[in-house]
Amino acid sequence: MKVKGLDIVWLMLLAATAFTWWLGHSGALVPPRLAMMALVFGLAWLKGLGVILEFMELRHAPPAWRWALIGGLTLIVGLILLAYWLAEP
């Protein structure tokens, strides 16, 4: 059985999900919390990128579509991080 790129991305999505779940439940999110949240949202961005490129099959789509979705993902993750940073005491 040949392992395809889609299988590898799926396994990486599972591993990233398990890692972020472990971070949340282990109490490892200790100060500096902003740095840990940046790590969590960085992983979320990478997961979104994997979904966009592999599962939505935009790797071979016109660049405008690919960059629009990646830009939207980046904007959303960036705004959530900014809101978290502004709300930190």
N, C-alpha and C. Protein backbone atom coordinates (compact mmCIF):
# COMPACT_ATOMS: atom_id res chain seq x y z
N MET A 1 0.84 -1.17 0.00
CA MET A 1 0.00 0.00 0.00
C MET A 1 0.89 1.25 0.00
N LYS A 2 0.59 2.14 -0.92
CA LYS A 2 1.38 3.36 -1.05
C LYS A 2 0.78 4.47 -0.19
N VAL A 3 1.62 5.14 0.58
CA VAL A 3 1.17 6.25 1.40
C VAL A 3 1.15 7.50 0.53
N LYS A 4 0.01 8.15 0.49
CA LYS A 4 -0.17 9.34 -0.34
C LYS A 4 0.02 10.60 0.50
N GLY A 5 0.22 11.71 -0.19
CA GLY A 5 0.39 12.99 0.50
C GLY A 5 -0.80 13.35 1.36
N LEU A 6 -1.99 12.98 0.89
CA LEU A 6 -3.20 13.26 1.65
C LEU A 6 -3.22 12.51 2.98
N ASP A 7 -2.72 11.29 2.97
CA ASP A 7 -2.64 10.51 4.20
C ASP A 7 -1.67 11.14 5.19
N ILE A 8 -0.55 11.63 4.69
CA ILE A 8 0.45 12.26 5.56
C ILE A 8 -0.12 13.53 6.18
N VAL A 9 -0.82 14.34 5.36
CA VAL A 9 -1.43 15.57 5.89
C VAL A 9 -2.47 15.22 6.94
N TRP A 10 -3.27 14.19 6.69
CA TRP A 10 -4.29 13.77 7.65
C TRP A 10 -3.65 13.35 8.97
N LEU A 11 -2.55 12.59 8.91
CA LEU A 11 -1.86 12.17 10.13
C LEU A 11 -1.27 13.38 10.86
N MET A 12 -0.75 14.35 10.11
CA MET A 12 -0.22 15.55 10.74
C MET A 12 -1.33 16.36 11.39
N LEU A 13 -2.52 16.41 10.77
CA LEU A 13 -3.66 17.09 11.39
C LEU A 13 -4.05 16.41 12.70
N LEU A 14 -4.06 15.09 12.70
CA LEU A 14 -4.37 14.36 13.93
C LEU A 14 -3.33 14.63 15.01
N ALA A 15 -2.06 14.62 14.64
CA ALA A 15 -1.00 14.86 15.62
C ALA A 15 -1.08 16.28 16.18
N ALA A 16 -1.33 17.27 15.33
CA ALA A 16 -1.43 18.65 15.80
C ALA A 16 -2.64 18.82 16.71
N THR A 17 -3.75 18.16 16.38
CA THR A 17 -4.94 18.23 17.23
C THR A 17 -4.67 17.60 18.59
N ALA A 18 -4.01 16.44 18.59
CA ALA A 18 -3.68 15.78 19.86
C ALA A 18 -2.74 16.64 20.68
N PHE A 19 -1.78 17.28 20.06
CA PHE A 19 -0.82 18.12 20.78
C PHE A 19 -1.51 19.33 21.40
N THR A 20 -2.39 20.00 20.64
CA THR A 20 -3.07 21.17 21.21
C THR A 20 -4.05 20.75 22.30
N TRP A 21 -4.67 19.59 22.16
CA TRP A 21 -5.54 19.09 23.23
C TRP A 21 -4.71 18.84 24.49
N TRP A 22 -3.54 18.23 24.32
CA TRP A 22 -2.67 17.96 25.46
C TRP A 22 -2.23 19.26 26.12
N LEU A 23 -1.89 20.27 25.33
CA LEU A 23 -1.50 21.56 25.91
C LEU A 23 -2.61 22.14 26.77
N GLY A 24 -3.84 22.03 26.29
CA GLY A 24 -4.96 22.59 27.04
C GLY A 24 -5.31 21.83 28.31
N HIS A 25 -5.12 20.52 28.30
CA HIS A 25 -5.53 19.70 29.44
C HIS A 25 -4.40 19.38 30.41
N SER A 26 -3.18 19.64 30.03
CA SER A 26 -2.06 19.27 30.90
C SER A 26 -1.66 20.39 31.85
N GLY A 27 -2.17 21.57 31.61
CA GLY A 27 -1.73 22.70 32.42
C GLY A 27 -0.42 23.28 31.92
N ALA A 28 -0.03 22.91 30.72
CA ALA A 28 1.24 23.40 30.16
C ALA A 28 1.13 24.83 29.67
N LEU A 29 -0.09 25.38 29.62
CA LEU A 29 -0.27 26.76 29.17
C LEU A 29 0.01 27.71 30.34
N VAL A 30 1.27 27.79 30.70
CA VAL A 30 1.70 28.64 31.80
C VAL A 30 2.39 29.87 31.21
N PRO A 31 2.62 30.89 32.03
CA PRO A 31 3.26 32.10 31.50
C PRO A 31 4.59 31.76 30.82
N PRO A 32 4.91 32.40 29.74
CA PRO A 32 4.13 33.43 29.05
C PRO A 32 3.00 32.83 28.22
N ARG A 33 1.79 33.10 28.64
CA ARG A 33 0.61 32.53 27.98
C ARG A 33 0.47 32.99 26.54
N LEU A 34 0.84 34.23 26.26
CA LEU A 34 0.70 34.73 24.89
C LEU A 34 1.57 33.93 23.93
N ALA A 35 2.76 33.57 24.36
CA ALA A 35 3.64 32.75 23.51
C ALA A 35 3.03 31.38 23.27
N MET A 36 2.44 30.79 24.31
CA MET A 36 1.81 29.47 24.14
C MET A 36 0.59 29.57 23.24
N MET A 37 -0.19 30.65 23.38
CA MET A 37 -1.35 30.83 22.51
C MET A 37 -0.92 31.06 21.08
N ALA A 38 0.19 31.75 20.89
CA ALA A 38 0.72 31.93 19.54
C ALA A 38 1.11 30.58 18.94
N LEU A 39 1.67 29.70 19.76
CA LEU A 39 2.00 28.35 19.30
C LEU A 39 0.74 27.59 18.91
N VAL A 40 -0.28 27.66 19.74
CA VAL A 40 -1.54 26.97 19.46
C VAL A 40 -2.16 27.50 18.17
N PHE A 41 -2.21 28.81 18.02
CA PHE A 41 -2.80 29.38 16.81
C PHE A 41 -1.90 29.21 15.60
N GLY A 42 -0.59 29.11 15.81
CA GLY A 42 0.30 28.78 14.70
C GLY A 42 0.01 27.37 14.17
N LEU A 43 -0.22 26.45 15.10
CA LEU A 43 -0.60 25.10 14.69
C LEU A 43 -1.96 25.10 13.99
N ALA A 44 -2.89 25.91 14.49
CA ALA A 44 -4.21 26.01 13.85
C ALA A 44 -4.06 26.55 12.44
N TRP A 45 -3.17 27.53 12.25
CA TRP A 45 -2.93 28.08 10.91
C TRP A 45 -2.34 27.01 9.99
N LEU A 46 -1.39 26.23 10.50
CA LEU A 46 -0.81 25.15 9.68
C LEU A 46 -1.85 24.09 9.33
N LYS A 47 -2.74 23.79 10.28
CA LYS A 47 -3.80 22.84 10.00
C LYS A 47 -4.73 23.39 8.92
N GLY A 48 -5.08 24.65 9.02
CA GLY A 48 -5.91 25.27 8.00
C GLY A 48 -5.24 25.28 6.64
N LEU A 49 -3.94 25.52 6.63
CA LEU A 49 -3.19 25.49 5.37
C LEU A 49 -3.22 24.10 4.76
N GLY A 50 -3.06 23.07 5.58
CA GLY A 50 -3.14 21.70 5.07
C GLY A 50 -4.50 21.39 4.49
N VAL A 51 -5.55 21.85 5.15
CA VAL A 51 -6.90 21.62 4.64
C VAL A 51 -7.10 22.36 3.32
N ILE A 52 -6.66 23.61 3.26
CA ILE A 52 -6.82 24.40 2.04
C ILE A 52 -6.08 23.78 0.87
N LEU A 53 -4.83 23.41 1.08
CA LEU A 53 -4.02 22.92 -0.03
C LEU A 53 -4.32 21.48 -0.42
N GLU A 54 -4.58 20.63 0.54
CA GLU A 54 -4.75 19.21 0.24
C GLU A 54 -6.20 18.77 0.12
N PHE A 55 -7.01 19.06 1.15
CA PHE A 55 -8.38 18.55 1.15
C PHE A 55 -9.29 19.35 0.24
N MET A 56 -9.04 20.66 0.12
CA MET A 56 -9.82 21.47 -0.82
C MET A 56 -9.19 21.45 -2.21
N GLU A 57 -8.03 20.81 -2.31
CA GLU A 57 -7.29 20.64 -3.57
C GLU A 57 -6.98 21.95 -4.27
N LEU A 58 -6.58 22.94 -3.49
CA LEU A 58 -6.23 24.23 -4.07
C LEU A 58 -4.74 24.35 -4.36
N ARG A 59 -4.00 23.28 -4.17
CA ARG A 59 -2.57 23.31 -4.48
C ARG A 59 -2.35 23.58 -5.97
N HIS A 60 -3.26 23.09 -6.79
CA HIS A 60 -3.12 23.25 -8.24
C HIS A 60 -4.14 24.23 -8.81
N ALA A 61 -4.81 24.97 -7.95
CA ALA A 61 -5.80 25.95 -8.38
C ALA A 61 -5.08 27.23 -8.83
N PRO A 62 -5.81 28.12 -9.47
CA PRO A 62 -5.20 29.41 -9.82
C PRO A 62 -4.69 30.12 -8.57
N PRO A 63 -3.56 30.80 -8.69
CA PRO A 63 -2.95 31.44 -7.51
C PRO A 63 -3.88 32.41 -6.78
N ALA A 64 -4.75 33.09 -7.50
CA ALA A 64 -5.64 34.05 -6.84
C ALA A 64 -6.55 33.36 -5.82
N TRP A 65 -7.09 32.21 -6.16
CA TRP A 65 -7.93 31.47 -5.23
C TRP A 65 -7.14 31.00 -4.01
N ARG A 66 -5.97 30.45 -4.31
CA ARG A 66 -5.13 29.92 -3.23
C ARG A 66 -4.74 31.04 -2.27
N TRP A 67 -4.27 32.16 -2.79
CA TRP A 67 -3.81 33.24 -1.93
C TRP A 67 -4.95 33.94 -1.22
N ALA A 68 -6.14 33.96 -1.84
CA ALA A 68 -7.30 34.56 -1.17
C ALA A 68 -7.68 33.75 0.08
N LEU A 69 -7.70 32.44 -0.04
CA LEU A 69 -8.05 31.61 1.11
C LEU A 69 -6.96 31.61 2.17
N ILE A 70 -5.71 31.55 1.75
CA ILE A 70 -4.62 31.60 2.72
C ILE A 70 -4.58 32.97 3.41
N GLY A 71 -4.84 34.03 2.66
CA GLY A 71 -4.89 35.37 3.25
C GLY A 71 -6.04 35.50 4.24
N GLY A 72 -7.20 34.95 3.89
CA GLY A 72 -8.34 34.98 4.81
C GLY A 72 -8.05 34.22 6.09
N LEU A 73 -7.45 33.05 5.95
CA LEU A 73 -7.07 32.26 7.12
C LEU A 73 -6.08 33.03 7.99
N THR A 74 -5.10 33.64 7.37
CA THR A 74 -4.09 34.41 8.10
C THR A 74 -4.73 35.60 8.81
N LEU A 75 -5.65 36.27 8.14
CA LEU A 75 -6.33 37.41 8.74
C LEU A 75 -7.14 36.99 9.96
N ILE A 76 -7.89 35.91 9.85
CA ILE A 76 -8.72 35.45 10.96
C ILE A 76 -7.85 35.05 12.15
N VAL A 77 -6.82 34.27 11.92
CA VAL A 77 -5.95 33.84 13.02
C VAL A 77 -5.24 35.05 13.63
N GLY A 78 -4.79 35.97 12.80
CA GLY A 78 -4.13 37.17 13.30
C GLY A 78 -5.05 38.03 14.14
N LEU A 79 -6.30 38.20 13.71
CA LEU A 79 -7.25 39.00 14.47
C LEU A 79 -7.59 38.34 15.81
N ILE A 80 -7.71 37.03 15.82
CA ILE A 80 -7.99 36.33 17.09
C ILE A 80 -6.80 36.51 18.04
N LEU A 81 -5.59 36.38 17.54
CA LEU A 81 -4.41 36.59 18.39
C LEU A 81 -4.34 38.03 18.89
N LEU A 82 -4.67 38.98 18.03
CA LEU A 82 -4.67 40.39 18.44
C LEU A 82 -5.70 40.62 19.54
N ALA A 83 -6.89 40.06 19.38
CA ALA A 83 -7.93 40.22 20.40
C ALA A 83 -7.48 39.59 21.72
N TYR A 84 -6.84 38.44 21.65
CA TYR A 84 -6.35 37.79 22.86
C TYR A 84 -5.28 38.65 23.53
N TRP A 85 -4.38 39.21 22.72
CA TRP A 85 -3.30 40.04 23.25
C TRP A 85 -3.86 41.30 23.91
N LEU A 86 -4.88 41.92 23.28
CA LEU A 86 -5.47 43.12 23.84
C LEU A 86 -6.26 42.85 25.12
N ALA A 87 -6.79 41.64 25.25
CA ALA A 87 -7.58 41.29 26.42
C ALA A 87 -6.72 40.82 27.60
N GLU A 88 -5.46 40.51 27.36
CA GLU A 88 -4.56 40.07 28.45
C GLU A 88 -4.34 41.21 29.43
N PRO A 89 -4.43 40.94 30.72
CA PRO A 89 -4.19 41.99 31.71
C PRO A 89 -2.73 42.39 31.80
